[in-house]
Structures are given as structure tokens and as C-alpha cells.
């Protein structure tokens, strides 16, 4: 289900179903890195890392998507079709944070911490509508982003749990905890 590479779409993404990718709970990289570590299968770890280094970087640089389909082109590669930017939700960001932190723990490569921090910043106004999606004062997560101009300030259990899981994962590493603390300070 992994398609593309650093130069060809969809840039090493694991498709969710047939020719479709969606962000919601897309935890293949995290699961493969865990499986690779437990089963001593370097190829599993490498596949997860490929998605992180290629696709996650592309996803962050593009302002995140909630889904897309890919179709084969005349050269045998894939091109994007039906890209969907919104709605973006915490359940789509948490897998990025978890996968990157897991890759860092296995490989000790700090570039994964940088990608994880870019992901966590989505909760702290570095998202398409520049809205706070997690309130560090209350621990409440908000339901998502509907458009470039509208955040969904409803606060359901899923959004709060996904936000808190992401923040806790970042806080469990001394390096990223310091960066998160600096981010909190800059918001005040």
C-alpha cells in the first residue's frame, strides 16, 4: 500500500484503501516501526521511515490534507486526484507525532523530532486557519478545521483524547518537552 518516493507522488504514503489516502488514524508508519523493532525487521522500519521523511514532509509543506486519491499516469507513476484539504482533525495529526517519536526512539535521528514538532504545532495555530486546536490551560482539544477561515471549536472526546495523546507523547521526551514548553511560553 506504500506508493511513490521522495520525488514521485504520493511520496511514500501508505494508502488507506485501494487508491485512497485519508489522515484519520493513519498509523501505518508507527505500527511498522513497532513491528520492525519487535520482529527485528529492518525493512519494516525503513518503510515507516520512508513515509515520515518523504510524505510527512510533503504533507506539512502543503498545509496538510485530510484525504486524496491517486491514479496511475502514462509513465506508470501516480498523480493526485480529488485532493481534500478539509476538514482537518486531531485524529489525523496524532499519527504523525507518534510515528516520528517512535522513529526517533529507534534510530536516534533528531530530524524525526523536528517533524514531530511541526506536527504538534498544528494544535498551536500553525494550521490553515491559524486557530488554537488544543488549550494547554484546560487540556481541551477542539474538533478541527473546516476551512482556511473557520475552526470548529466544538470539543468532543475524540479530539481531546487525540490532542492529549499527542501532547503527552511530546512531553515524554526531554528534547521535545523543552521545545513544547517554549511554545507554550511564546503563546502567552
N, C-alpha and C. Protein backbone atom coordinates (compact mmCIF):
# COMPACT_ATOMS: atom_id res chain seq x y z
N UNK A 1 0.81 -1.21 0.00
CA UNK A 1 0.00 0.00 0.00
C UNK A 1 0.85 1.27 0.00
N UNK A 2 2.18 1.13 0.11
CA UNK A 2 3.04 2.31 0.08
C UNK A 2 3.36 2.62 -1.38
N UNK A 3 3.15 3.89 -1.75
CA UNK A 3 3.39 4.29 -3.12
C UNK A 3 4.23 5.55 -3.18
N UNK A 4 5.01 5.67 -4.27
CA UNK A 4 5.82 6.84 -4.51
C UNK A 4 7.10 6.83 -3.70
N UNK A 5 7.87 7.90 -3.87
CA UNK A 5 9.12 8.09 -3.15
C UNK A 5 9.33 9.58 -2.97
N UNK A 6 10.53 9.99 -2.59
CA UNK A 6 10.73 11.40 -2.28
C UNK A 6 10.51 12.32 -3.48
N UNK A 7 10.57 11.79 -4.69
CA UNK A 7 10.39 12.61 -5.89
C UNK A 7 9.07 12.37 -6.62
N UNK A 8 8.37 11.31 -6.27
CA UNK A 8 7.16 10.93 -7.00
C UNK A 8 5.98 10.74 -6.05
N UNK A 9 4.85 11.34 -6.43
CA UNK A 9 3.65 11.26 -5.60
C UNK A 9 3.17 9.80 -5.52
N UNK A 10 2.59 9.46 -4.42
CA UNK A 10 2.29 10.25 -3.23
C UNK A 10 3.40 10.24 -2.17
N UNK A 11 4.62 10.23 -2.60
CA UNK A 11 5.78 10.49 -1.73
C UNK A 11 5.96 9.49 -0.58
N UNK A 12 5.71 8.22 -0.87
CA UNK A 12 5.93 7.18 0.14
C UNK A 12 4.77 7.02 1.11
N UNK A 13 3.63 7.59 0.80
CA UNK A 13 2.45 7.45 1.67
C UNK A 13 1.93 6.02 1.63
N UNK A 14 1.43 5.57 2.77
CA UNK A 14 0.69 4.31 2.81
C UNK A 14 -0.77 4.64 2.54
N UNK A 15 -1.29 4.10 1.46
CA UNK A 15 -2.69 4.35 1.15
C UNK A 15 -3.58 3.65 2.16
N UNK A 16 -4.72 4.25 2.42
CA UNK A 16 -5.64 3.72 3.42
C UNK A 16 -6.52 2.60 2.85
N UNK A 17 -6.84 2.74 1.57
CA UNK A 17 -7.71 1.75 0.93
C UNK A 17 -7.60 1.92 -0.58
N UNK A 18 -7.28 0.87 -1.28
CA UNK A 18 -7.15 0.86 -2.73
C UNK A 18 -6.31 2.05 -3.19
N UNK A 19 -6.91 3.04 -3.82
CA UNK A 19 -6.14 4.20 -4.29
C UNK A 19 -6.45 5.47 -3.49
N UNK A 20 -6.90 5.30 -2.25
CA UNK A 20 -7.32 6.42 -1.41
C UNK A 20 -6.44 6.52 -0.17
N UNK A 21 -6.14 7.75 0.20
CA UNK A 21 -5.47 8.02 1.46
C UNK A 21 -6.34 9.00 2.24
N UNK A 22 -6.46 8.75 3.56
CA UNK A 22 -7.09 9.73 4.44
C UNK A 22 -6.28 9.79 5.72
N UNK A 23 -6.30 10.94 6.35
CA UNK A 23 -5.45 11.20 7.51
C UNK A 23 -5.95 10.51 8.78
N UNK A 24 -7.20 10.21 8.88
CA UNK A 24 -7.82 9.78 10.13
C UNK A 24 -7.25 8.45 10.63
N UNK A 25 -6.45 8.54 11.65
CA UNK A 25 -5.90 7.35 12.28
C UNK A 25 -4.91 6.61 11.41
N UNK A 26 -4.29 7.30 10.48
CA UNK A 26 -3.38 6.69 9.52
C UNK A 26 -2.05 6.37 10.21
N UNK A 27 -2.03 5.27 10.93
CA UNK A 27 -0.90 4.94 11.81
C UNK A 27 0.01 3.83 11.28
N UNK A 28 0.03 3.62 9.98
CA UNK A 28 0.83 2.54 9.43
C UNK A 28 2.32 2.67 9.76
N UNK A 29 2.87 3.87 9.65
CA UNK A 29 4.30 4.06 9.94
C UNK A 29 4.61 3.70 11.38
N UNK A 30 3.81 4.17 12.29
CA UNK A 30 4.01 3.88 13.70
C UNK A 30 3.97 2.37 13.95
N UNK A 31 2.97 1.71 13.37
CA UNK A 31 2.82 0.26 13.56
C UNK A 31 3.98 -0.51 12.94
N UNK A 32 4.42 -0.08 11.76
CA UNK A 32 5.53 -0.78 11.10
C UNK A 32 6.85 -0.60 11.87
N UNK A 33 7.06 0.58 12.40
CA UNK A 33 8.29 0.80 13.18
C UNK A 33 8.26 -0.08 14.43
N UNK A 34 7.10 -0.16 15.10
CA UNK A 34 6.97 -1.05 16.25
C UNK A 34 7.22 -2.51 15.85
N UNK A 35 6.56 -2.94 14.78
CA UNK A 35 6.72 -4.32 14.33
C UNK A 35 8.17 -4.60 13.94
N UNK A 36 8.80 -3.66 13.26
CA UNK A 36 10.20 -3.83 12.86
C UNK A 36 11.12 -3.98 14.05
N UNK A 37 10.86 -3.19 15.07
CA UNK A 37 11.68 -3.27 16.28
C UNK A 37 11.47 -4.61 16.98
N UNK A 38 10.24 -5.02 17.14
CA UNK A 38 9.92 -6.26 17.86
C UNK A 38 10.39 -7.49 17.08
N UNK A 39 10.17 -7.50 15.78
CA UNK A 39 10.48 -8.66 14.95
C UNK A 39 11.88 -8.61 14.33
N UNK A 40 12.60 -7.52 14.63
CA UNK A 40 13.94 -7.33 14.06
C UNK A 40 13.89 -7.34 12.53
N UNK A 41 12.94 -6.59 11.98
CA UNK A 41 12.75 -6.49 10.53
C UNK A 41 13.06 -5.06 10.10
N UNK A 42 14.27 -4.84 9.66
CA UNK A 42 14.73 -3.50 9.25
C UNK A 42 13.87 -2.96 8.10
N UNK A 43 13.40 -3.84 7.22
CA UNK A 43 12.60 -3.38 6.09
C UNK A 43 11.29 -2.74 6.54
N UNK A 44 10.72 -3.20 7.66
CA UNK A 44 9.51 -2.58 8.19
C UNK A 44 9.82 -1.17 8.69
N UNK A 45 10.91 -1.06 9.43
CA UNK A 45 11.32 0.25 9.94
C UNK A 45 11.60 1.19 8.77
N UNK A 46 12.31 0.71 7.76
CA UNK A 46 12.64 1.54 6.60
C UNK A 46 11.38 2.02 5.88
N UNK A 47 10.37 1.18 5.78
CA UNK A 47 9.12 1.59 5.12
C UNK A 47 8.44 2.70 5.91
N UNK A 48 8.40 2.56 7.24
CA UNK A 48 7.81 3.61 8.07
C UNK A 48 8.58 4.91 7.97
N UNK A 49 9.90 4.80 7.97
CA UNK A 49 10.76 5.99 7.87
C UNK A 49 10.59 6.68 6.52
N UNK A 50 10.42 5.89 5.47
CA UNK A 50 10.21 6.48 4.13
C UNK A 50 8.96 7.37 4.12
N UNK A 51 7.88 6.88 4.74
CA UNK A 51 6.68 7.71 4.78
C UNK A 51 6.93 8.99 5.58
N UNK A 52 7.62 8.87 6.69
CA UNK A 52 7.89 10.04 7.53
C UNK A 52 8.75 11.05 6.78
N UNK A 53 9.85 10.59 6.24
CA UNK A 53 10.81 11.52 5.62
C UNK A 53 10.30 12.13 4.32
N UNK A 54 9.52 11.39 3.57
CA UNK A 54 9.05 11.90 2.28
C UNK A 54 7.64 12.47 2.36
N UNK A 55 6.69 11.62 2.75
CA UNK A 55 5.30 12.04 2.73
C UNK A 55 4.96 13.05 3.81
N UNK A 56 5.38 12.79 5.06
CA UNK A 56 5.04 13.73 6.13
C UNK A 56 5.62 15.11 5.85
N UNK A 57 6.82 15.17 5.32
CA UNK A 57 7.40 16.48 4.98
C UNK A 57 6.56 17.17 3.91
N UNK A 58 6.18 16.41 2.89
CA UNK A 58 5.34 16.98 1.83
C UNK A 58 4.00 17.44 2.42
N UNK A 59 3.42 16.61 3.28
CA UNK A 59 2.12 16.93 3.88
C UNK A 59 2.20 18.22 4.68
N UNK A 60 3.24 18.36 5.49
CA UNK A 60 3.40 19.58 6.29
C UNK A 60 3.63 20.79 5.39
N UNK A 61 4.46 20.66 4.39
CA UNK A 61 4.75 21.78 3.49
C UNK A 61 3.53 22.21 2.69
N UNK A 62 2.61 21.28 2.45
CA UNK A 62 1.41 21.60 1.67
C UNK A 62 0.28 22.13 2.55
N UNK A 63 0.50 22.24 3.86
CA UNK A 63 -0.53 22.75 4.75
C UNK A 63 -1.52 21.67 5.18
N UNK A 64 -1.14 20.42 5.03
CA UNK A 64 -1.92 19.25 5.42
C UNK A 64 -3.14 19.06 4.52
N UNK A 65 -3.47 17.81 4.35
CA UNK A 65 -4.66 17.38 3.62
C UNK A 65 -5.40 16.41 4.51
N UNK A 66 -6.69 16.28 4.29
CA UNK A 66 -7.44 15.26 5.03
C UNK A 66 -7.61 14.01 4.18
N UNK A 67 -7.43 14.14 2.87
CA UNK A 67 -7.54 12.96 2.02
C UNK A 67 -7.25 13.26 0.56
N UNK A 68 -7.04 12.19 -0.18
CA UNK A 68 -6.86 12.28 -1.63
C UNK A 68 -6.96 10.89 -2.23
N UNK A 69 -7.10 10.86 -3.54
CA UNK A 69 -6.95 9.61 -4.27
C UNK A 69 -5.78 9.79 -5.22
N UNK A 70 -5.23 8.67 -5.66
CA UNK A 70 -4.17 8.70 -6.65
C UNK A 70 -4.59 7.82 -7.82
N UNK A 71 -4.17 8.23 -8.99
CA UNK A 71 -4.42 7.44 -10.19
C UNK A 71 -3.10 7.27 -10.93
N UNK A 72 -3.01 6.20 -11.67
CA UNK A 72 -1.80 5.94 -12.45
C UNK A 72 -1.73 6.93 -13.62
N UNK A 73 -0.51 7.40 -13.89
CA UNK A 73 -0.32 8.26 -15.06
C UNK A 73 0.28 7.44 -16.21
N UNK A 74 0.54 8.08 -17.34
CA UNK A 74 1.05 7.38 -18.52
C UNK A 74 2.44 6.81 -18.32
N UNK A 75 3.20 7.34 -17.37
CA UNK A 75 4.56 6.87 -17.12
C UNK A 75 4.62 5.73 -16.10
N UNK A 76 3.47 5.26 -15.62
CA UNK A 76 3.44 4.19 -14.64
C UNK A 76 3.50 4.68 -13.20
N UNK A 77 3.64 5.98 -13.02
CA UNK A 77 3.65 6.56 -11.68
C UNK A 77 2.24 6.92 -11.27
N UNK A 78 2.12 7.65 -10.18
CA UNK A 78 0.82 8.07 -9.67
C UNK A 78 0.74 9.59 -9.61
N UNK A 79 -0.45 10.11 -9.82
CA UNK A 79 -0.71 11.54 -9.66
C UNK A 79 -1.91 11.70 -8.73
N UNK A 80 -1.95 12.84 -8.05
CA UNK A 80 -3.05 13.12 -7.14
C UNK A 80 -4.32 13.43 -7.91
N UNK A 81 -5.42 12.98 -7.35
CA UNK A 81 -6.74 13.29 -7.88
C UNK A 81 -7.64 13.49 -6.67
N UNK A 82 -8.57 14.39 -6.77
CA UNK A 82 -9.55 14.59 -5.71
C UNK A 82 -8.91 14.88 -4.36
N UNK A 83 -7.97 15.81 -4.32
CA UNK A 83 -7.37 16.18 -3.03
C UNK A 83 -8.40 16.94 -2.20
N UNK A 84 -8.42 16.63 -0.90
CA UNK A 84 -9.36 17.26 0.02
C UNK A 84 -8.54 17.86 1.17
N UNK A 85 -8.68 19.14 1.36
CA UNK A 85 -7.92 19.83 2.41
C UNK A 85 -8.64 19.78 3.75
N UNK A 86 -9.96 19.86 3.74
CA UNK A 86 -10.73 19.97 4.98
C UNK A 86 -11.84 18.92 5.01
N UNK A 87 -12.24 18.51 6.16
CA UNK A 87 -11.86 19.01 7.46
C UNK A 87 -10.60 18.30 7.97
N UNK A 88 -9.81 19.05 8.72
CA UNK A 88 -8.63 18.50 9.37
C UNK A 88 -8.96 18.32 10.85
N UNK A 89 -8.56 17.15 11.38
CA UNK A 89 -8.89 16.86 12.78
C UNK A 89 -7.67 16.30 13.51
N UNK A 90 -7.73 16.34 14.82
CA UNK A 90 -6.62 15.87 15.66
C UNK A 90 -6.30 14.41 15.38
N UNK A 91 -7.28 13.62 15.04
CA UNK A 91 -7.11 12.20 14.75
C UNK A 91 -6.23 11.99 13.51
N UNK A 92 -6.04 13.02 12.72
CA UNK A 92 -5.15 12.96 11.57
C UNK A 92 -3.75 13.47 11.87
N UNK A 93 -3.58 14.20 12.95
CA UNK A 93 -2.27 14.75 13.32
C UNK A 93 -1.55 13.83 14.30
N UNK A 94 -2.28 13.22 15.22
CA UNK A 94 -1.66 12.34 16.20
C UNK A 94 -0.78 11.24 15.59
N UNK A 95 -1.19 10.60 14.48
CA UNK A 95 -0.31 9.58 13.90
C UNK A 95 1.05 10.13 13.45
N UNK A 96 1.08 11.37 13.01
CA UNK A 96 2.35 11.99 12.61
C UNK A 96 3.26 12.10 13.82
N UNK A 97 2.73 12.63 14.90
CA UNK A 97 3.51 12.81 16.12
C UNK A 97 4.02 11.46 16.63
N UNK A 98 3.14 10.48 16.72
CA UNK A 98 3.53 9.16 17.24
C UNK A 98 4.57 8.49 16.35
N UNK A 99 4.36 8.51 15.05
CA UNK A 99 5.31 7.86 14.14
C UNK A 99 6.70 8.48 14.24
N UNK A 100 6.74 9.79 14.28
CA UNK A 100 8.03 10.48 14.35
C UNK A 100 8.74 10.21 15.67
N UNK A 101 8.02 10.23 16.75
CA UNK A 101 8.63 9.98 18.05
C UNK A 101 9.12 8.53 18.14
N UNK A 102 8.36 7.61 17.58
CA UNK A 102 8.75 6.21 17.56
C UNK A 102 10.02 6.02 16.72
N UNK A 103 10.07 6.66 15.55
CA UNK A 103 11.26 6.57 14.70
C UNK A 103 12.48 7.14 15.41
N UNK A 104 12.28 8.24 16.11
CA UNK A 104 13.40 8.82 16.87
C UNK A 104 13.90 7.85 17.94
N UNK A 105 12.99 7.24 18.67
CA UNK A 105 13.39 6.31 19.72
C UNK A 105 14.18 5.13 19.17
N UNK A 106 13.82 4.67 17.98
CA UNK A 106 14.50 3.53 17.38
C UNK A 106 15.83 3.93 16.74
N UNK A 107 15.84 5.05 16.03
CA UNK A 107 17.01 5.41 15.22
C UNK A 107 17.88 6.53 15.79
N UNK A 108 17.36 7.25 16.80
CA UNK A 108 18.10 8.35 17.45
C UNK A 108 18.50 9.45 16.45
N UNK A 109 17.68 9.65 15.45
CA UNK A 109 17.91 10.69 14.44
C UNK A 109 17.01 11.87 14.80
N UNK A 110 17.61 13.01 15.15
CA UNK A 110 16.83 14.16 15.63
C UNK A 110 15.96 14.79 14.55
N UNK A 111 16.17 14.46 13.29
CA UNK A 111 15.30 15.01 12.25
C UNK A 111 13.85 14.58 12.49
N UNK A 112 13.66 13.42 13.11
CA UNK A 112 12.29 12.97 13.42
C UNK A 112 11.65 13.84 14.50
N UNK A 113 12.45 14.34 15.42
CA UNK A 113 11.92 15.25 16.44
C UNK A 113 11.42 16.54 15.80
N UNK A 114 12.14 17.01 14.80
CA UNK A 114 11.73 18.24 14.10
C UNK A 114 10.40 18.05 13.39
N UNK A 115 10.22 16.91 12.75
CA UNK A 115 8.95 16.65 12.05
C UNK A 115 7.82 16.49 13.06
N UNK A 116 8.10 15.83 14.19
CA UNK A 116 7.09 15.68 15.25
C UNK A 116 6.67 17.05 15.78
N UNK A 117 7.64 17.94 15.97
CA UNK A 117 7.31 19.28 16.48
C UNK A 117 6.51 20.07 15.46
N UNK A 118 6.79 19.91 14.18
CA UNK A 118 5.96 20.59 13.17
C UNK A 118 4.53 20.07 13.24
N UNK A 119 4.39 18.76 13.48
CA UNK A 119 3.05 18.19 13.62
C UNK A 119 2.33 18.74 14.84
N UNK A 120 3.01 18.77 15.98
CA UNK A 120 2.35 19.24 17.21
C UNK A 120 1.96 20.72 17.10
N UNK A 121 2.71 21.48 16.33
CA UNK A 121 2.40 22.90 16.18
C UNK A 121 1.07 23.13 15.47
N UNK A 122 0.57 22.11 14.76
CA UNK A 122 -0.77 22.22 14.16
C UNK A 122 -1.79 22.56 15.24
N UNK A 123 -1.62 21.99 16.44
CA UNK A 123 -2.53 22.26 17.55
C UNK A 123 -2.39 23.69 18.08
N UNK A 124 -1.27 24.32 17.78
CA UNK A 124 -0.94 25.62 18.35
C UNK A 124 -0.84 26.70 17.28
N UNK A 125 -1.88 26.77 16.47
CA UNK A 125 -2.10 27.83 15.49
C UNK A 125 -1.27 27.70 14.22
N UNK A 126 -0.41 26.72 14.09
CA UNK A 126 0.30 26.54 12.82
C UNK A 126 -0.48 25.55 11.96
N UNK A 127 -1.66 26.03 11.57
CA UNK A 127 -2.60 25.26 10.77
C UNK A 127 -3.25 26.22 9.78
N UNK A 128 -4.00 25.73 8.81
CA UNK A 128 -4.53 26.61 7.77
C UNK A 128 -5.36 27.79 8.24
N UNK A 129 -6.08 27.68 9.36
CA UNK A 129 -6.90 28.83 9.80
C UNK A 129 -6.28 29.57 10.99
N UNK A 130 -5.07 29.17 11.37
CA UNK A 130 -4.33 29.86 12.45
C UNK A 130 -5.10 29.87 13.76
N UNK A 131 -5.84 28.79 14.03
CA UNK A 131 -6.64 28.67 15.26
C UNK A 131 -5.96 27.72 16.24
N UNK A 132 -6.14 27.98 17.52
CA UNK A 132 -5.68 27.10 18.57
C UNK A 132 -6.58 25.86 18.57
N UNK A 133 -5.99 24.67 18.44
CA UNK A 133 -6.75 23.42 18.41
C UNK A 133 -6.57 22.61 19.69
N UNK A 134 -5.74 23.11 20.60
CA UNK A 134 -5.55 22.50 21.91
C UNK A 134 -5.32 23.62 22.90
N UNK A 135 -6.03 23.58 24.00
CA UNK A 135 -5.88 24.59 25.03
C UNK A 135 -5.05 24.02 26.18
N UNK A 136 -3.79 24.45 26.33
CA UNK A 136 -2.94 23.89 27.38
C UNK A 136 -3.42 24.23 28.79
N UNK A 137 -4.24 25.24 28.93
CA UNK A 137 -4.76 25.62 30.25
C UNK A 137 -5.83 24.64 30.73
N UNK A 138 -6.66 24.16 29.82
CA UNK A 138 -7.77 23.28 30.20
C UNK A 138 -7.54 21.83 29.79
N UNK A 139 -6.62 21.58 28.84
CA UNK A 139 -6.41 20.24 28.30
C UNK A 139 -7.46 19.85 27.27
N UNK A 140 -8.23 20.81 26.84
CA UNK A 140 -9.32 20.54 25.88
C UNK A 140 -8.79 20.62 24.45
N UNK A 141 -9.19 19.63 23.65
CA UNK A 141 -8.89 19.66 22.22
C UNK A 141 -10.14 20.04 21.46
N UNK A 142 -9.95 20.74 20.36
CA UNK A 142 -11.10 21.19 19.56
C UNK A 142 -11.27 20.29 18.34
N UNK A 143 -12.48 20.31 17.79
CA UNK A 143 -12.86 19.31 16.81
C UNK A 143 -12.18 19.43 15.45
N UNK A 144 -11.61 20.54 15.11
CA UNK A 144 -10.87 20.56 13.86
C UNK A 144 -10.94 21.87 13.12
N UNK A 145 -10.58 21.77 11.87
CA UNK A 145 -10.51 22.93 10.99
C UNK A 145 -11.40 22.65 9.79
N UNK A 146 -12.35 23.54 9.58
CA UNK A 146 -13.31 23.36 8.49
C UNK A 146 -12.89 24.03 7.19
N UNK A 147 -12.09 25.11 7.31
CA UNK A 147 -11.67 25.85 6.12
C UNK A 147 -10.50 26.75 6.51
N UNK A 148 -10.01 27.50 5.55
CA UNK A 148 -8.93 28.45 5.85
C UNK A 148 -9.38 29.53 6.83
N UNK A 149 -10.69 29.72 6.94
CA UNK A 149 -11.22 30.80 7.78
C UNK A 149 -12.01 30.31 8.98
N UNK A 150 -12.17 29.01 9.14
CA UNK A 150 -13.07 28.53 10.19
C UNK A 150 -12.53 27.29 10.91
N UNK A 151 -12.32 27.46 12.20
CA UNK A 151 -12.01 26.33 13.06
C UNK A 151 -13.28 25.86 13.72
N UNK A 152 -13.36 24.57 14.03
CA UNK A 152 -14.51 24.02 14.72
C UNK A 152 -14.17 23.96 16.21
N UNK A 153 -14.76 24.85 16.99
CA UNK A 153 -14.45 24.96 18.41
C UNK A 153 -15.28 24.03 19.29
N UNK A 154 -16.04 23.11 18.68
CA UNK A 154 -16.65 22.07 19.49
C UNK A 154 -15.51 21.26 20.09
N UNK A 155 -15.77 20.65 21.23
CA UNK A 155 -14.72 19.91 21.92
C UNK A 155 -15.23 18.54 22.32
N UNK A 156 -15.08 17.60 21.40
CA UNK A 156 -15.54 16.24 21.68
C UNK A 156 -14.46 15.41 22.34
N UNK A 157 -14.85 14.25 22.82
CA UNK A 157 -13.92 13.35 23.50
C UNK A 157 -12.79 12.93 22.57
N UNK A 158 -13.11 12.55 21.33
CA UNK A 158 -12.07 12.09 20.41
C UNK A 158 -11.01 13.16 20.18
N UNK A 159 -11.42 14.37 19.93
CA UNK A 159 -10.46 15.45 19.68
C UNK A 159 -9.62 15.75 20.92
N UNK A 160 -10.24 15.75 22.07
CA UNK A 160 -9.49 16.00 23.30
C UNK A 160 -8.51 14.87 23.56
N UNK A 161 -8.94 13.63 23.40
CA UNK A 161 -8.04 12.49 23.63
C UNK A 161 -6.88 12.50 22.65
N UNK A 162 -7.15 12.72 21.37
CA UNK A 162 -6.08 12.74 20.37
C UNK A 162 -5.10 13.89 20.63
N UNK A 163 -5.62 15.03 21.03
CA UNK A 163 -4.76 16.17 21.36
C UNK A 163 -3.88 15.85 22.55
N UNK A 164 -4.51 15.33 23.60
CA UNK A 164 -3.76 15.00 24.82
C UNK A 164 -2.72 13.90 24.56
N UNK A 165 -3.08 12.88 23.80
CA UNK A 165 -2.11 11.83 23.46
C UNK A 165 -0.90 12.43 22.75
N UNK A 166 -1.15 13.35 21.83
CA UNK A 166 -0.06 13.99 21.09
C UNK A 166 0.84 14.80 22.01
N UNK A 167 0.22 15.60 22.86
CA UNK A 167 0.99 16.44 23.78
C UNK A 167 1.78 15.57 24.77
N UNK A 168 1.15 14.55 25.31
CA UNK A 168 1.84 13.67 26.26
C UNK A 168 3.02 12.97 25.59
N UNK A 169 2.84 12.55 24.35
CA UNK A 169 3.94 11.88 23.62
C UNK A 169 5.13 12.83 23.47
N UNK A 170 4.86 14.09 23.17
CA UNK A 170 5.92 15.09 23.04
C UNK A 170 6.56 15.36 24.41
N UNK A 171 5.74 15.42 25.44
CA UNK A 171 6.26 15.70 26.78
C UNK A 171 7.09 14.56 27.35
N UNK A 172 6.97 13.36 26.82
CA UNK A 172 7.73 12.21 27.32
C UNK A 172 9.18 12.18 26.87
N UNK A 173 9.58 13.08 26.00
CA UNK A 173 10.97 13.17 25.57
C UNK A 173 11.53 14.51 26.04
N UNK A 174 12.69 14.49 26.67
CA UNK A 174 13.27 15.71 27.24
C UNK A 174 13.50 16.78 26.18
N UNK A 175 13.95 16.38 24.98
CA UNK A 175 14.23 17.36 23.93
C UNK A 175 12.97 18.06 23.45
N UNK A 176 11.94 17.28 23.14
CA UNK A 176 10.71 17.89 22.63
C UNK A 176 9.90 18.53 23.74
N UNK A 177 10.02 18.03 24.96
CA UNK A 177 9.32 18.67 26.08
C UNK A 177 9.80 20.10 26.25
N UNK A 178 11.10 20.31 26.12
CA UNK A 178 11.66 21.67 26.22
C UNK A 178 11.10 22.56 25.10
N UNK A 179 11.04 22.02 23.88
CA UNK A 179 10.52 22.79 22.76
C UNK A 179 9.03 23.11 22.95
N UNK A 180 8.28 22.15 23.49
CA UNK A 180 6.86 22.39 23.75
C UNK A 180 6.69 23.45 24.82
N UNK A 181 7.52 23.41 25.84
CA UNK A 181 7.47 24.42 26.90
C UNK A 181 7.74 25.81 26.33
N UNK A 182 8.71 25.90 25.43
CA UNK A 182 8.99 27.19 24.78
C UNK A 182 7.82 27.64 23.93
N UNK A 183 7.13 26.69 23.29
CA UNK A 183 5.96 27.03 22.50
C UNK A 183 4.84 27.58 23.39
N UNK A 184 4.60 26.94 24.54
CA UNK A 184 3.61 27.44 25.50
C UNK A 184 3.95 28.86 25.94
N UNK A 185 5.21 29.09 26.26
CA UNK A 185 5.67 30.41 26.74
C UNK A 185 5.44 31.46 25.65
N UNK A 186 5.72 31.14 24.41
CA UNK A 186 5.58 32.12 23.33
C UNK A 186 4.12 32.48 23.07
N UNK A 187 3.20 31.62 23.49
CA UNK A 187 1.77 31.89 23.29
C UNK A 187 1.21 32.86 24.31
N UNK A 188 1.91 33.04 25.43
CA UNK A 188 1.36 33.90 26.49
C UNK A 188 1.62 35.35 26.24
